[in-house]
N, C-alpha and C. Protein backbone atom coordinates (compact mmCIF):
# COMPACT_ATOMS: atom_id res chain seq x y z
N UNK A 1 -67.02 18.11 91.84
CA UNK A 1 -67.75 17.87 93.27
C UNK A 1 -69.08 17.19 93.20
N UNK A 2 -69.51 17.62 92.04
CA UNK A 2 -71.00 16.72 91.64
C UNK A 2 -70.80 15.31 91.26
N UNK A 3 -69.52 14.97 90.81
CA UNK A 3 -69.70 14.01 90.15
C UNK A 3 -69.09 13.11 91.59
N UNK A 4 -68.21 13.35 92.18
CA UNK A 4 -68.04 13.26 93.87
C UNK A 4 -69.08 12.35 94.69
N UNK A 5 -70.21 13.50 94.60
CA UNK A 5 -71.47 13.50 95.51
C UNK A 5 -72.31 12.42 94.80
N UNK A 6 -72.79 12.49 93.51
CA UNK A 6 -73.61 11.43 93.50
C UNK A 6 -72.81 10.01 93.06
N UNK A 7 -71.64 9.82 92.91
CA UNK A 7 -70.97 8.69 92.92
C UNK A 7 -69.89 8.20 93.24
N UNK A 8 -69.19 7.00 93.42
CA UNK A 8 -68.26 6.62 94.29
C UNK A 8 -67.45 6.60 93.38
N UNK A 9 -66.09 7.65 93.00
CA UNK A 9 -65.45 7.64 91.96
C UNK A 9 -64.23 7.11 92.96
N UNK A 10 -63.25 5.87 91.73
CA UNK A 10 -61.68 5.91 92.15
C UNK A 10 -61.29 5.97 91.05
N UNK A 11 -59.95 6.78 90.96
CA UNK A 11 -59.25 7.02 90.02
C UNK A 11 -57.83 6.76 90.06
N UNK A 12 -57.45 6.03 88.94
CA UNK A 12 -55.64 5.55 89.23
C UNK A 12 -55.12 5.99 87.81
N UNK A 13 -54.11 6.35 87.94
CA UNK A 13 -53.08 7.19 86.91
C UNK A 13 -53.15 8.07 86.77
N UNK A 14 -53.63 9.07 87.55
CA UNK A 14 -54.22 10.42 87.32
C UNK A 14 -52.53 11.29 87.23
N UNK A 15 -51.79 10.85 87.95
CA UNK A 15 -50.38 11.37 87.24
C UNK A 15 -50.11 11.61 86.06
N UNK A 16 -50.61 10.85 85.01
CA UNK A 16 -50.14 10.73 83.44
C UNK A 16 -51.02 11.77 82.96
N UNK A 17 -52.52 12.35 83.50
CA UNK A 17 -52.61 13.64 82.86
C UNK A 17 -52.05 14.90 83.29
N UNK A 18 -51.30 15.50 82.01
CA UNK A 18 -50.03 16.75 82.15
C UNK A 18 -50.61 17.72 82.51
N UNK A 19 -49.72 18.35 83.53
CA UNK A 19 -50.43 19.27 84.02
C UNK A 19 -50.34 20.67 83.37
N UNK A 20 -49.71 20.31 82.43
CA UNK A 20 -49.34 21.98 81.62
C UNK A 20 -49.16 21.17 80.02
N UNK A 21 -49.17 22.04 79.57
CA UNK A 21 -48.90 22.12 78.05
C UNK A 21 -50.18 21.45 77.16
N UNK A 22 -50.13 21.33 75.88
CA UNK A 22 -51.32 21.05 75.15
C UNK A 22 -51.39 19.46 74.85
N UNK A 23 -52.54 18.87 75.28
CA UNK A 23 -52.56 17.21 75.24
C UNK A 23 -54.16 16.77 74.73
N UNK A 24 -54.10 15.67 74.32
CA UNK A 24 -55.49 15.08 73.90
C UNK A 24 -55.81 13.84 74.79
N UNK A 25 -57.24 14.00 75.44
CA UNK A 25 -57.32 13.06 75.95
C UNK A 25 -58.33 12.29 75.49
N UNK A 26 -58.32 10.79 75.31
CA UNK A 26 -59.07 9.66 74.49
C UNK A 26 -59.23 8.80 75.30
N UNK A 27 -60.84 8.94 75.94
CA UNK A 27 -61.52 8.21 76.40
C UNK A 27 -62.41 7.07 75.66
N UNK A 28 -62.78 5.88 76.32
CA UNK A 28 -64.35 5.34 75.71
C UNK A 28 -65.28 6.23 75.76
N UNK A 29 -66.89 6.20 75.35
CA UNK A 29 -67.49 6.72 75.72
C UNK A 29 -68.91 5.95 75.95
N UNK A 30 -69.41 6.45 77.45
CA UNK A 30 -70.51 5.22 77.58
C UNK A 30 -71.48 6.21 78.24
N UNK A 31 -71.99 7.28 78.32
CA UNK A 31 -72.85 8.05 79.08
C UNK A 31 -73.11 9.57 78.22
N UNK A 32 -74.16 9.82 78.32
CA UNK A 32 -74.10 11.34 78.13
C UNK A 32 -73.49 12.38 78.87
N UNK A 33 -72.91 12.00 80.02
CA UNK A 33 -72.11 12.71 81.33
C UNK A 33 -71.14 12.60 81.47
N UNK A 34 -70.34 11.88 80.48
CA UNK A 34 -68.86 11.27 80.53
C UNK A 34 -68.10 12.61 80.62
N UNK A 35 -68.31 13.90 80.32
CA UNK A 35 -67.72 14.89 80.68
C UNK A 35 -67.56 15.29 82.20
N UNK A 36 -68.82 15.13 82.45
CA UNK A 36 -68.94 15.43 83.86
C UNK A 36 -67.72 14.50 85.06
N UNK A 37 -67.97 13.53 84.58
CA UNK A 37 -66.63 12.55 85.41
C UNK A 37 -65.40 12.56 84.99
N UNK A 38 -65.06 13.15 83.72
CA UNK A 38 -63.59 13.01 83.05
C UNK A 38 -63.28 14.42 84.02
N UNK A 39 -64.26 15.54 84.07
CA UNK A 39 -63.56 16.56 84.31
C UNK A 39 -62.75 16.68 85.82
N UNK A 40 -63.04 15.55 86.74
CA UNK A 40 -62.54 14.69 88.19
C UNK A 40 -61.26 14.65 87.97
N UNK A 41 -60.55 14.06 86.55
CA UNK A 41 -59.41 13.56 86.12
C UNK A 41 -58.08 14.72 86.67
N UNK A 42 -58.80 16.00 86.31
CA UNK A 42 -57.99 17.08 86.02
C UNK A 42 -57.60 18.63 86.83
N UNK A 43 -57.14 19.08 87.48
CA UNK A 43 -57.20 20.30 87.91
C UNK A 43 -57.35 21.46 86.94
N UNK A 44 -56.82 21.29 86.05
CA UNK A 44 -57.18 21.93 84.21
C UNK A 44 -58.46 21.90 84.26
N UNK A 45 -58.68 23.21 83.50
CA UNK A 45 -59.69 22.78 82.45
C UNK A 45 -59.97 21.84 81.08
N UNK A 46 -60.94 21.46 80.74
CA UNK A 46 -60.59 19.96 79.83
C UNK A 46 -61.68 21.03 78.78
N UNK A 47 -61.37 20.76 77.56
CA UNK A 47 -62.23 21.54 75.96
C UNK A 47 -62.72 20.00 75.77
N UNK A 48 -63.83 19.82 75.95
CA UNK A 48 -64.75 18.46 75.22
C UNK A 48 -65.27 18.63 73.83
N UNK A 49 -64.66 17.84 73.20
CA UNK A 49 -65.51 18.08 71.75
C UNK A 49 -66.59 17.17 72.23
N UNK A 50 -68.11 17.34 71.77
CA UNK A 50 -68.83 17.05 71.71
C UNK A 50 -70.08 17.11 70.45
N UNK A 51 -70.93 16.10 70.50
CA UNK A 51 -71.75 16.14 69.51
C UNK A 51 -72.71 17.12 69.42
N UNK A 52 -72.45 17.86 68.02
CA UNK A 52 -73.21 18.81 67.74
C UNK A 52 -74.94 18.73 68.15
N UNK A 53 -75.57 17.83 67.82
CA UNK A 53 -76.88 17.63 68.57
C UNK A 53 -77.05 17.71 69.58
N UNK A 54 -76.30 17.43 70.68
CA UNK A 54 -76.27 17.51 71.87
C UNK A 54 -75.95 19.09 72.40
N UNK A 55 -74.66 19.19 71.80
CA UNK A 55 -74.40 21.04 72.23
C UNK A 55 -75.60 21.83 72.07
N UNK A 56 -76.39 21.80 70.90
CA UNK A 56 -77.68 22.73 70.49
C UNK A 56 -78.64 22.44 71.14
N UNK A 57 -78.94 21.79 72.05
CA UNK A 57 -79.96 21.44 73.37
C UNK A 57 -80.30 23.05 73.62
N UNK A 58 -81.79 23.35 73.53
CA UNK A 58 -81.86 24.78 74.26
C UNK A 58 -81.41 24.79 75.64
N UNK A 59 -81.65 23.92 76.21
CA UNK A 59 -81.54 24.11 78.00
C UNK A 59 -80.16 24.10 78.30
N UNK A 60 -79.55 23.27 77.14
CA UNK A 60 -78.03 23.14 77.79
C UNK A 60 -76.67 23.69 76.97
N UNK A 61 -77.16 24.55 75.73
CA UNK A 61 -76.41 25.08 75.28
C UNK A 61 -75.45 26.40 75.78
N UNK A 62 -76.04 26.95 76.77
CA UNK A 62 -75.68 28.00 77.60
C UNK A 62 -74.33 27.49 78.36
N UNK A 63 -74.99 26.47 79.45
CA UNK A 63 -73.73 25.60 79.88
C UNK A 63 -72.37 25.22 79.02
N UNK A 64 -72.59 24.52 77.75
CA UNK A 64 -71.93 23.95 77.06
C UNK A 64 -70.78 25.52 76.23
N UNK A 65 -71.45 26.16 76.20
CA UNK A 65 -70.90 27.65 75.63
C UNK A 65 -69.98 28.09 76.80
N UNK A 66 -70.58 27.95 78.07
CA UNK A 66 -69.57 28.48 79.10
C UNK A 66 -68.37 27.77 79.73
N UNK A 67 -68.45 26.43 79.43
CA UNK A 67 -67.30 25.37 79.68
C UNK A 67 -66.18 24.85 78.21
N UNK A 68 -66.94 25.93 77.49
CA UNK A 68 -65.95 26.16 75.85
C UNK A 68 -65.84 25.11 75.23
N UNK A 69 -67.01 24.31 75.43
CA UNK A 69 -67.35 22.80 74.49
C UNK A 69 -66.60 23.04 73.10
N UNK A 70 -66.62 21.63 72.47
CA UNK A 70 -66.22 22.18 71.17
C UNK A 70 -67.32 21.21 70.51
N UNK A 71 -68.57 22.10 69.55
CA UNK A 71 -69.31 20.96 68.72
C UNK A 71 -68.53 20.50 67.82
N UNK A 72 -69.23 19.32 67.28
CA UNK A 72 -68.86 18.47 65.93
C UNK A 72 -69.73 17.91 65.08
N UNK A 73 -69.69 17.69 64.24
CA UNK A 73 -70.43 16.70 63.44
C UNK A 73 -70.23 16.28 62.28
N UNK A 74 -70.90 15.22 61.75
CA UNK A 74 -70.43 14.56 60.54
C UNK A 74 -70.42 15.33 59.25
N UNK A 75 -69.13 14.44 58.26
CA UNK A 75 -69.06 15.51 56.78
C UNK A 75 -69.93 15.44 56.17
N UNK A 76 -71.22 14.19 56.57
CA UNK A 76 -72.44 14.27 55.45
C UNK A 76 -73.57 15.08 56.19
N UNK A 77 -73.65 15.33 57.35
CA UNK A 77 -74.88 16.08 58.09
C UNK A 77 -74.59 18.01 58.01
N UNK A 78 -73.29 17.89 58.62
CA UNK A 78 -73.06 19.15 58.67
C UNK A 78 -71.67 19.50 58.51
N UNK A 79 -70.98 19.86 57.10
CA UNK A 79 -69.61 19.49 56.92
C UNK A 79 -69.04 20.90 57.53
N UNK A 80 -69.99 22.02 57.77
CA UNK A 80 -69.14 23.03 57.91
C UNK A 80 -68.78 23.25 59.57
N UNK A 81 -69.59 22.44 60.23
CA UNK A 81 -69.98 22.41 61.46
C UNK A 81 -68.20 21.28 62.03
N UNK A 82 -68.20 20.69 61.28
CA UNK A 82 -67.03 19.82 61.41
C UNK A 82 -65.68 20.47 60.92
N UNK A 83 -65.75 21.21 60.01
CA UNK A 83 -64.55 21.83 59.66
C UNK A 83 -64.06 22.84 60.97
N UNK A 84 -65.25 23.59 61.15
CA UNK A 84 -65.09 24.67 62.06
C UNK A 84 -64.34 24.07 63.57
N UNK A 85 -64.95 23.02 63.56
CA UNK A 85 -64.55 21.95 64.91
C UNK A 85 -62.82 21.76 64.83
N UNK A 86 -62.39 21.33 63.72
CA UNK A 86 -61.18 20.73 63.53
C UNK A 86 -60.07 22.21 63.75
N UNK A 87 -60.70 23.30 63.45
CA UNK A 87 -59.97 24.65 63.64
C UNK A 87 -60.23 24.87 64.91
N UNK A 88 -61.28 24.62 65.94
CA UNK A 88 -61.29 25.19 66.56
C UNK A 88 -60.26 24.24 67.85
N UNK A 89 -60.01 23.02 67.57
CA UNK A 89 -59.53 21.93 68.10
C UNK A 89 -57.74 22.84 68.23
N UNK A 90 -57.62 22.61 67.11
CA UNK A 90 -56.37 23.65 66.70
C UNK A 90 -55.78 24.53 67.35
N UNK A 91 -56.69 25.52 67.22
CA UNK A 91 -56.36 26.55 68.42
C UNK A 91 -56.22 26.17 69.39
N UNK A 92 -57.11 25.27 70.14
CA UNK A 92 -57.27 25.14 71.78
C UNK A 92 -55.93 24.85 71.92
N UNK A 93 -55.41 23.24 70.98
CA UNK A 93 -54.08 23.04 71.26
C UNK A 93 -52.76 23.86 70.92
N UNK A 94 -53.37 24.90 69.95
CA UNK A 94 -51.96 26.07 70.17
C UNK A 94 -51.70 26.59 71.05
N UNK A 95 -52.81 26.84 72.13
CA UNK A 95 -52.83 27.62 73.06
C UNK A 95 -52.53 26.81 74.42
N UNK A 96 -52.23 25.23 74.02
CA UNK A 96 -51.37 24.62 74.91
C UNK A 96 -52.57 24.08 76.00
N UNK A 97 -54.01 24.24 75.52
CA UNK A 97 -54.88 23.80 76.53
C UNK A 97 -54.93 21.99 76.51
N UNK A 98 -55.75 21.47 77.03
CA UNK A 98 -56.08 20.43 77.40
C UNK A 98 -57.24 19.87 76.53
N UNK A 99 -57.47 18.69 75.63
CA UNK A 99 -58.55 18.40 74.69
C UNK A 99 -58.89 17.55 75.06
N UNK A 100 -60.64 16.94 75.14
CA UNK A 100 -60.72 15.57 75.32
C UNK A 100 -61.76 15.33 74.05
N UNK A 101 -61.12 14.29 73.49
CA UNK A 101 -62.05 13.72 71.82
C UNK A 101 -62.23 11.96 72.54
N UNK A 102 -63.55 12.09 72.15
CA UNK A 102 -63.85 10.31 72.12
C UNK A 102 -63.96 9.83 70.73
N UNK A 103 -62.99 9.04 70.43
CA UNK A 103 -62.35 8.52 69.41
C UNK A 103 -63.43 7.40 68.58
N UNK A 104 -64.34 6.98 69.49
CA UNK A 104 -65.13 6.52 69.02
C UNK A 104 -66.30 6.93 68.18
N UNK A 105 -66.38 8.43 68.82
CA UNK A 105 -67.49 9.36 67.66
C UNK A 105 -68.88 9.03 68.16
N UNK A 106 -69.43 7.83 68.96
CA UNK A 106 -70.26 7.90 69.31
C UNK A 106 -70.90 6.92 70.86
N UNK A 107 -71.83 7.20 71.84
CA UNK A 107 -72.02 6.48 72.82
C UNK A 107 -72.26 5.11 72.53
N UNK A 108 -71.36 3.94 73.18
CA UNK A 108 -71.64 2.66 73.20
C UNK A 108 -73.15 2.24 73.01
N UNK A 109 -73.78 1.39 72.31
CA UNK A 109 -74.94 0.88 72.35
C UNK A 109 -75.29 -0.54 73.04
N UNK A 110 -74.00 -1.04 73.29
CA UNK A 110 -74.50 -2.21 73.98
C UNK A 110 -73.10 -2.66 75.33
N UNK A 111 -72.45 -1.51 75.56
CA UNK A 111 -71.50 -1.37 76.51
C UNK A 111 -70.00 -1.87 76.26
N UNK A 112 -70.13 -2.44 74.45
CA UNK A 112 -68.39 -2.58 73.89
C UNK A 112 -68.19 -1.26 73.49
N UNK A 113 -66.93 -1.43 73.42
CA UNK A 113 -66.19 -0.24 72.69
C UNK A 113 -66.55 -0.06 71.08
N UNK A 114 -66.64 0.96 70.92
CA UNK A 114 -66.99 0.85 68.83
C UNK A 114 -65.44 1.41 68.47
N UNK A 115 -65.50 0.46 67.35
CA UNK A 115 -63.78 1.01 66.84
C UNK A 115 -63.53 2.51 66.80
N UNK A 116 -62.21 3.00 66.84
CA UNK A 116 -61.74 4.38 66.74
C UNK A 116 -61.72 4.80 65.43
N UNK A 117 -62.16 5.88 65.62
CA UNK A 117 -62.26 6.51 64.12
C UNK A 117 -60.99 7.40 63.55
N UNK A 118 -60.80 7.72 62.57
CA UNK A 118 -59.34 8.45 62.27
C UNK A 118 -59.54 9.98 62.34
N UNK A 119 -60.56 10.73 62.73
CA UNK A 119 -60.43 11.81 63.19
C UNK A 119 -59.34 12.45 63.96
N UNK A 120 -59.12 11.68 64.67
CA UNK A 120 -57.79 11.89 65.85
C UNK A 120 -56.28 11.88 64.66
N UNK A 121 -56.49 11.22 64.04
CA UNK A 121 -55.20 11.25 62.69
C UNK A 121 -55.23 12.93 62.15
N UNK A 122 -56.68 13.26 62.10
CA UNK A 122 -56.40 14.44 61.30
C UNK A 122 -55.70 15.89 62.36
N UNK A 123 -56.04 15.47 63.70
CA UNK A 123 -56.21 16.32 64.79
C UNK A 123 -54.56 16.59 65.23
N UNK A 124 -53.86 14.95 65.12
CA UNK A 124 -52.19 15.06 65.10
C UNK A 124 -51.41 15.46 64.32
N UNK A 125 -52.18 15.08 62.99
CA UNK A 125 -51.30 16.01 61.84
C UNK A 125 -50.79 17.29 61.84
N UNK A 126 -51.95 17.94 62.38
CA UNK A 126 -51.86 19.69 62.64
C UNK A 126 -51.12 19.78 63.85
N UNK A 127 -51.69 19.17 64.71
CA UNK A 127 -50.84 19.18 66.27
C UNK A 127 -50.29 18.01 67.08
N UNK A 128 -48.97 17.71 66.72
CA UNK A 128 -48.46 16.45 67.08
C UNK A 128 -48.43 16.32 68.73
N UNK A 129 -49.44 16.52 69.48
CA UNK A 129 -49.24 16.52 70.62
C UNK A 129 -49.35 15.02 71.71
N UNK A 130 -49.02 15.07 72.65
CA UNK A 130 -49.35 13.43 73.51
C UNK A 130 -50.90 13.10 73.56
N UNK A 131 -50.89 11.93 73.30
CA UNK A 131 -52.26 11.26 73.39
C UNK A 131 -52.36 10.33 74.58
N UNK A 132 -53.18 10.78 75.59
CA UNK A 132 -53.61 10.43 76.66
C UNK A 132 -54.71 9.36 76.67
N UNK A 133 -54.48 7.80 76.84
CA UNK A 133 -55.55 6.77 76.68
C UNK A 133 -56.19 6.83 78.03
N UNK A 134 -57.71 6.68 78.15
CA UNK A 134 -58.16 7.31 79.83
C UNK A 134 -59.47 6.10 79.45
N UNK A 135 -59.59 5.37 80.40
CA UNK A 135 -60.67 4.67 80.34
C UNK A 135 -61.69 4.67 81.24
N UNK A 136 -63.03 4.87 81.36
CA UNK A 136 -64.43 4.80 82.13
C UNK A 136 -64.96 3.30 82.13
N UNK A 137 -64.96 3.42 83.49
CA UNK A 137 -65.89 1.62 83.91
C UNK A 137 -66.91 1.86 84.63
N UNK A 138 -67.68 0.94 84.81
CA UNK A 138 -68.66 1.22 85.98
C UNK A 138 -70.25 1.97 85.64
N UNK A 139 -69.57 2.92 84.20
CA UNK A 139 -71.11 3.50 83.73
C UNK A 139 -71.90 3.04 82.78
N UNK A 140 -71.80 1.93 82.22
CA UNK A 140 -72.67 0.70 81.47
C UNK A 140 -74.15 0.80 82.35
N UNK A 141 -75.12 0.82 82.25
CA UNK A 141 -76.44 0.48 82.56
C UNK A 141 -77.13 1.88 83.67
N UNK A 142 -76.21 2.73 83.85
CA UNK A 142 -76.26 3.77 84.38
C UNK A 142 -77.53 4.70 83.42
N UNK A 143 -78.27 5.75 84.55
CA UNK A 143 -79.45 6.44 83.54
C UNK A 143 -79.02 7.09 82.40
N UNK A 144 -78.13 7.57 82.23
CA UNK A 144 -77.34 8.37 81.17
C UNK A 144 -76.76 7.49 80.26
N UNK A 145 -76.42 6.08 80.33
CA UNK A 145 -76.57 5.35 79.41
C UNK A 145 -77.57 4.96 77.97
N UNK A 146 -76.99 4.23 77.00
CA UNK A 146 -77.87 3.91 76.30
C UNK A 146 -78.67 2.59 76.41
N UNK A 147 -79.14 2.32 77.49
CA UNK A 147 -79.77 1.12 77.83
C UNK A 147 -80.97 1.56 77.81
N UNK A 148 -81.62 2.49 77.60
CA UNK A 148 -82.81 2.63 77.72
C UNK A 148 -83.39 3.99 77.64
N UNK A 149 -84.43 4.73 77.82
CA UNK A 149 -84.66 6.32 78.03
C UNK A 149 -84.06 6.52 79.21
N UNK A 150 -83.68 7.07 79.73
CA UNK A 150 -83.45 7.54 81.19
C UNK A 150 -84.65 8.02 81.97
N UNK A 151 -86.03 8.42 81.72
CA UNK A 151 -86.84 8.98 82.50
C UNK A 151 -87.55 7.50 82.82
N UNK A 152 -87.84 7.05 81.61
CA UNK A 152 -88.77 5.78 82.11
C UNK A 152 -88.37 4.79 82.84
N UNK A 153 -86.69 4.57 82.87
CA UNK A 153 -85.93 3.58 83.71
C UNK A 153 -85.86 4.33 84.92
N UNK A 154 -85.92 5.68 85.52
CA UNK A 154 -85.17 5.82 86.21
C UNK A 154 -85.35 5.24 87.48
N UNK A 155 -86.10 4.74 87.81
CA UNK A 155 -86.54 4.03 89.24
C UNK A 155 -85.32 2.81 89.10
N UNK A 156 -85.62 1.73 88.52
CA UNK A 156 -84.86 0.62 88.09
C UNK A 156 -83.31 1.14 87.99
N UNK A 157 -82.70 1.78 87.18
CA UNK A 157 -81.57 2.22 87.01
C UNK A 157 -80.76 2.77 88.22
N UNK A 158 -81.16 3.71 88.91
CA UNK A 158 -80.91 4.67 89.66
C UNK A 158 -80.26 4.19 90.76
N UNK A 159 -78.52 4.10 90.86
CA UNK A 159 -78.50 3.48 92.47
C UNK A 159 -77.46 4.40 92.89
N UNK A 160 -78.10 5.38 94.29
CA UNK A 160 -77.08 6.08 94.77
C UNK A 160 -75.30 5.53 95.26
N UNK A 161 -74.60 6.40 94.83
CA UNK A 161 -73.28 6.19 94.93
C UNK A 161 -72.92 4.77 94.40
N UNK A 162 -73.35 4.69 93.26
CA UNK A 162 -72.56 4.02 91.98
C UNK A 162 -71.07 3.84 91.92
N UNK A 163 -70.22 2.62 92.07
CA UNK A 163 -69.23 2.60 91.88
C UNK A 163 -68.74 2.61 90.20
N UNK A 164 -67.66 3.76 90.49
CA UNK A 164 -67.09 4.00 88.67
C UNK A 164 -65.53 4.31 89.06
N UNK A 165 -64.89 3.86 88.51
CA UNK A 165 -63.62 3.42 88.00
C UNK A 165 -62.96 4.51 86.69
N UNK A 166 -61.79 5.49 87.09
CA UNK A 166 -61.43 5.77 85.49
C UNK A 166 -60.03 5.72 85.81
N UNK A 167 -59.13 5.28 84.21
CA UNK A 167 -57.98 4.87 84.68
C UNK A 167 -57.45 5.87 83.37
N UNK A 168 -55.98 6.04 83.85
CA UNK A 168 -55.11 6.82 82.94
C UNK A 168 -54.06 6.24 82.57
N UNK A 169 -53.49 6.32 81.38
CA UNK A 169 -52.35 5.53 81.06
C UNK A 169 -51.25 6.55 80.46
N UNK A 170 -49.98 5.94 80.50
CA UNK A 170 -48.95 6.96 80.30
C UNK A 170 -49.17 7.48 78.62
N UNK A 171 -48.80 8.71 78.35
CA UNK A 171 -49.31 9.50 77.11
C UNK A 171 -48.22 8.56 76.07
N UNK A 172 -49.03 8.83 74.90
CA UNK A 172 -48.29 7.99 73.60
C UNK A 172 -47.71 9.39 73.11
N UNK A 173 -46.67 9.55 72.05
CA UNK A 173 -46.34 10.52 71.30
C UNK A 173 -47.29 10.97 70.09
N UNK A 174 -47.74 11.63 70.31
CA UNK A 174 -48.47 12.52 69.00
C UNK A 174 -47.69 12.57 67.60
N UNK A 175 -46.07 12.72 67.40
CA UNK A 175 -45.59 12.55 66.37
C UNK A 175 -45.70 11.06 65.67
N UNK A 176 -45.81 11.44 64.21
CA UNK A 176 -46.30 10.26 63.11
C UNK A 176 -47.29 9.53 63.68
N UNK A 177 -48.65 10.14 64.62
CA UNK A 177 -49.32 9.14 64.60
C UNK A 177 -50.19 8.38 63.97
N UNK A 178 -50.18 7.47 63.76
CA UNK A 178 -50.82 6.80 62.20
C UNK A 178 -51.76 6.05 62.74
N UNK A 179 -52.46 5.23 61.41
CA UNK A 179 -53.60 4.14 61.72
C UNK A 179 -53.29 3.15 62.29
N UNK A 180 -51.89 2.66 62.60
CA UNK A 180 -51.66 0.92 63.43
C UNK A 180 -51.37 2.08 64.67
N UNK A 181 -51.31 2.68 65.24
CA UNK A 181 -51.15 3.64 66.33
C UNK A 181 -52.57 3.81 66.78
N UNK A 182 -53.26 4.30 66.02
CA UNK A 182 -54.55 4.18 66.29
C UNK A 182 -55.56 2.95 67.12
N UNK A 183 -54.71 2.07 66.37
CA UNK A 183 -55.46 0.52 66.69
C UNK A 183 -54.76 0.26 68.18
N UNK A 184 -53.35 0.76 68.19
CA UNK A 184 -52.92 0.28 69.33
C UNK A 184 -53.44 1.24 70.75
N UNK A 185 -53.73 2.50 70.41
CA UNK A 185 -54.78 3.46 71.58
C UNK A 185 -55.64 2.74 71.93
N UNK A 186 -56.56 2.13 70.93
CA UNK A 186 -57.90 1.34 71.41
C UNK A 186 -57.49 0.41 72.00
N UNK A 187 -56.46 -0.22 72.19
CA UNK A 187 -56.05 -1.73 72.88
C UNK A 187 -55.59 -1.25 74.12
N UNK A 188 -55.12 -0.23 73.97
CA UNK A 188 -54.86 0.05 75.88
C UNK A 188 -55.99 0.70 76.74
N UNK A 189 -56.65 1.09 75.73
CA UNK A 189 -58.23 1.63 76.23
C UNK A 189 -58.99 0.51 76.91
N UNK A 190 -58.97 -0.25 75.72
CA UNK A 190 -59.88 -1.60 76.14
C UNK A 190 -59.06 -2.56 77.49
N UNK A 191 -57.91 -2.82 77.22
CA UNK A 191 -57.27 -3.33 78.32
C UNK A 191 -57.44 -2.61 79.51
N UNK A 192 -57.46 -1.40 79.92
CA UNK A 192 -57.49 -0.87 81.00
C UNK A 192 -59.11 -0.61 81.32
N UNK A 193 -60.24 -0.68 80.76
CA UNK A 193 -61.31 -0.74 80.65
C UNK A 193 -61.83 -2.05 81.55
N UNK A 194 -61.10 -3.19 80.66
CA UNK A 194 -61.62 -4.50 80.70
C UNK A 194 -60.70 -4.82 82.70
N UNK A 195 -59.79 -4.17 82.89
CA UNK A 195 -59.05 -4.65 84.26
C UNK A 195 -59.58 -3.78 85.45
N UNK A 196 -60.16 -2.35 84.89
CA UNK A 196 -60.85 -1.77 85.99
C UNK A 196 -62.58 -2.47 85.96
N UNK A 197 -63.12 -2.92 84.93
CA UNK A 197 -64.51 -3.51 85.03
C UNK A 197 -64.16 -4.78 85.79
N UNK A 198 -63.19 -5.64 85.86
CA UNK A 198 -63.20 -6.71 86.97
C UNK A 198 -62.48 -6.44 88.46
N UNK A 199 -62.36 -5.05 88.52
CA UNK A 199 -61.94 -4.68 89.88
C UNK A 199 -63.45 -3.71 90.31
N UNK A 200 -64.13 -4.00 89.63
CA UNK A 200 -65.44 -3.59 90.35
C UNK A 200 -66.17 -3.97 91.21
């Protein structure tokens, strides 16, 4: 409701989001509030995998716990957090839940997509569930993207009812998902994003 109130959101391909059973949503990562927009895709709750440094922010930690977000970190900085994240993701998929993983592993710094990381392969090796490509368009340049410190540019960047488009592709089979299919996943998300960008 909040996303639809503040932004003009158009969604295509929503029928590709599974209404039941385990699946992994794989969108590009544009803003700190991507989860807010992606929540509008599905009537089902989505378990978002998010950066540990954001998850532990004092003012937001309770909210993230309430929505059962899953904190994750790199093996270099917090190996125990990373391992716990994979365990929790596995449990969620075992329970037939919908999990959202940002395969880039970081927010875009220039509006272009970063290479998809292989962590998704580890998830699918344990739980070969459907992989749903998702694209976000229209959010780069908003106050919550990395175009600058949000508060300092709020007056310049804020536009009420900003147009946002989200698209969903048909799921890819998670069984035997390998590095080549990871590249194909990124190509599908990239292609859909570019088409949505042109339609804005």
